Amino acid sequence: MNFTLTYLLMVILVLMLIITLAPHVAKRLRMERRASSLLAQHPDAEKTAVYLKLNSDFLTRRTARL
């Protein structure tokens, strides 16, 4: 009885995760397809990535208050 309840709860948890993450994964895949098609339209375009460094002092301010 207890094993069945545990199994059922695990299945529900996995289904909830799948339902929650599916739209985000679909958007990501759609975005990648659009980017690939844009790059295919402009083969001589520069392919660069921009990485922004996060400068946050949230943790230092929080520890200073404690």
C-alpha atoms as a PDB file:
ATOM      1  CA  MET A   1       0.000   0.000   0.000  1.00  0.00           C
ATOM      2  CA  ASN A   2       2.724   2.456   1.013  1.00  0.00           C
ATOM      3  CA  PHE A   3       4.831   1.585  -2.049  1.00  0.00           C
ATOM      4  CA  THR A   4       1.846   2.229  -4.335  1.00  0.00           C
ATOM      5  CA  LEU A   5       1.262   5.656  -2.805  1.00  0.00           C
ATOM      6  CA  THR A   6       4.942   6.554  -3.128  1.00  0.00           C
ATOM      7  CA  TYR A   7       4.984   5.380  -6.732  1.00  0.00           C
ATOM      8  CA  LEU A   8       1.851   7.388  -7.514  1.00  0.00           C
ATOM      9  CA  LEU A   9       3.311  10.541  -5.944  1.00  0.00           C
ATOM     10  CA  MET A  10       6.526  10.124  -7.924  1.00  0.00           C
ATOM     11  CA  VAL A  11       4.576   9.756 -11.163  1.00  0.00           C
ATOM     12  CA  ILE A  12       2.538  12.870 -10.358  1.00  0.00           C
ATOM     13  CA  LEU A  13       5.727  14.817  -9.588  1.00  0.00           C
ATOM     14  CA  VAL A  14       7.351  13.759 -12.861  1.00  0.00           C
ATOM     15  CA  LEU A  15       4.224  14.681 -14.814  1.00  0.00           C
ATOM     16  CA  MET A  16       4.104  18.091 -13.139  1.00  0.00           C
ATOM     17  CA  LEU A  17       7.746  18.711 -14.038  1.00  0.00           C
ATOM     18  CA  ILE A  18       7.138  17.698 -17.649  1.00  0.00           C
ATOM     19  CA  ILE A  19       4.049  19.897 -17.920  1.00  0.00           C
ATOM     20  CA  THR A  20       5.916  22.828 -16.364  1.00  0.00           C
ATOM     21  CA  LEU A  21       9.078  22.530 -18.456  1.00  0.00           C
ATOM     22  CA  ALA A  22       7.538  21.586 -21.819  1.00  0.00           C
ATOM     23  CA  PRO A  23       6.539  25.136 -22.862  1.00  0.00           C
ATOM     24  CA  HIS A  24      10.000  26.494 -22.001  1.00  0.00           C
ATOM     25  CA  VAL A  25      11.729  23.756 -23.967  1.00  0.00           C
ATOM     26  CA  ALA A  26       9.401  24.335 -26.922  1.00  0.00           C
ATOM     27  CA  LYS A  27      10.151  28.088 -26.887  1.00  0.00           C
ATOM     28  CA  ARG A  28      13.867  27.393 -26.732  1.00  0.00           C
ATOM     29  CA  LEU A  29      13.729  24.988 -29.674  1.00  0.00           C
ATOM     30  CA  ARG A  30      11.627  27.452 -31.687  1.00  0.00           C
ATOM     31  CA  MET A  31      14.117  30.231 -30.933  1.00  0.00           C
ATOM     32  CA  GLU A  32      17.035  28.052 -32.051  1.00  0.00           C
ATOM     33  CA  ARG A  33      15.227  27.171 -35.295  1.00  0.00           C
ATOM     34  CA  ARG A  34      14.538  30.851 -35.984  1.00  0.00           C
ATOM     35  CA  ALA A  35      18.168  31.754 -35.296  1.00  0.00           C
ATOM     36  CA  SER A  36      19.380  29.000 -37.611  1.00  0.00           C
ATOM     37  CA  SER A  37      17.071  30.150 -40.391  1.00  0.00           C
ATOM     38  CA  LEU A  38      18.210  33.764 -39.981  1.00  0.00           C
ATOM     39  CA  LEU A  39      21.846  32.689 -40.116  1.00  0.00           C
ATOM     40  CA  ALA A  40      21.102  30.619 -43.225  1.00  0.00           C
ATOM     41  CA  GLN A  41      19.604  33.696 -44.906  1.00  0.00           C
ATOM     42  CA  HIS A  42      22.758  35.693 -44.155  1.00  0.00           C
ATOM     43  CA  PRO A  43      25.717  33.305 -44.521  1.00  0.00           C
ATOM     44  CA  ASP A  44      28.326  36.084 -44.451  1.00  0.00           C
ATOM     45  CA  ALA A  45      26.996  37.579 -41.229  1.00  0.00           C
ATOM     46  CA  GLU A  46      29.273  37.704 -38.232  1.00  0.00           C
ATOM     47  CA  LYS A  47      28.514  34.958 -35.722  1.00  0.00           C
ATOM     48  CA  THR A  48      29.313  36.305 -32.285  1.00  0.00           C
ATOM     49  CA  ALA A  49      27.969  35.820 -28.810  1.00  0.00           C
ATOM     50  CA  VAL A  50      27.759  38.455 -26.117  1.00  0.00           C
ATOM     51  CA  TYR A  51      28.242  37.511 -22.488  1.00  0.00           C
ATOM     52  CA  LEU A  52      27.276  40.041 -19.864  1.00  0.00           C
ATOM     53  CA  LYS A  53      29.045  39.877 -16.537  1.00  0.00           C
ATOM     54  CA  LEU A  54      26.716  40.160 -13.570  1.00  0.00           C
ATOM     55  CA  ASN A  55      27.982  42.569 -10.961  1.00  0.00           C
ATOM     56  CA  SER A  56      25.742  42.245  -7.958  1.00  0.00           C
ATOM     57  CA  ASP A  57      26.554  43.093  -4.379  1.00  0.00           C
ATOM     58  CA  PHE A  58      23.386  41.475  -3.032  1.00  0.00           C
ATOM     59  CA  LEU A  59      25.275  38.771  -1.149  1.00  0.00           C
ATOM     60  CA  THR A  60      27.832  41.164   0.362  1.00  0.00           C
ATOM     61  CA  ARG A  61      25.130  43.606   1.497  1.00  0.00           C
ATOM     62  CA  ARG A  62      23.097  40.763   2.955  1.00  0.00           C
ATOM     63  CA  THR A  63      26.015  39.273   4.924  1.00  0.00           C
ATOM     64  CA  ALA A  64      27.040  42.729   6.164  1.00  0.00           C
ATOM     65  CA  ARG A  65      23.568  43.214   7.678  1.00  0.00           C
ATOM     66  CA  LEU A  66      23.669  39.908   9.545  1.00  0.00           C
END
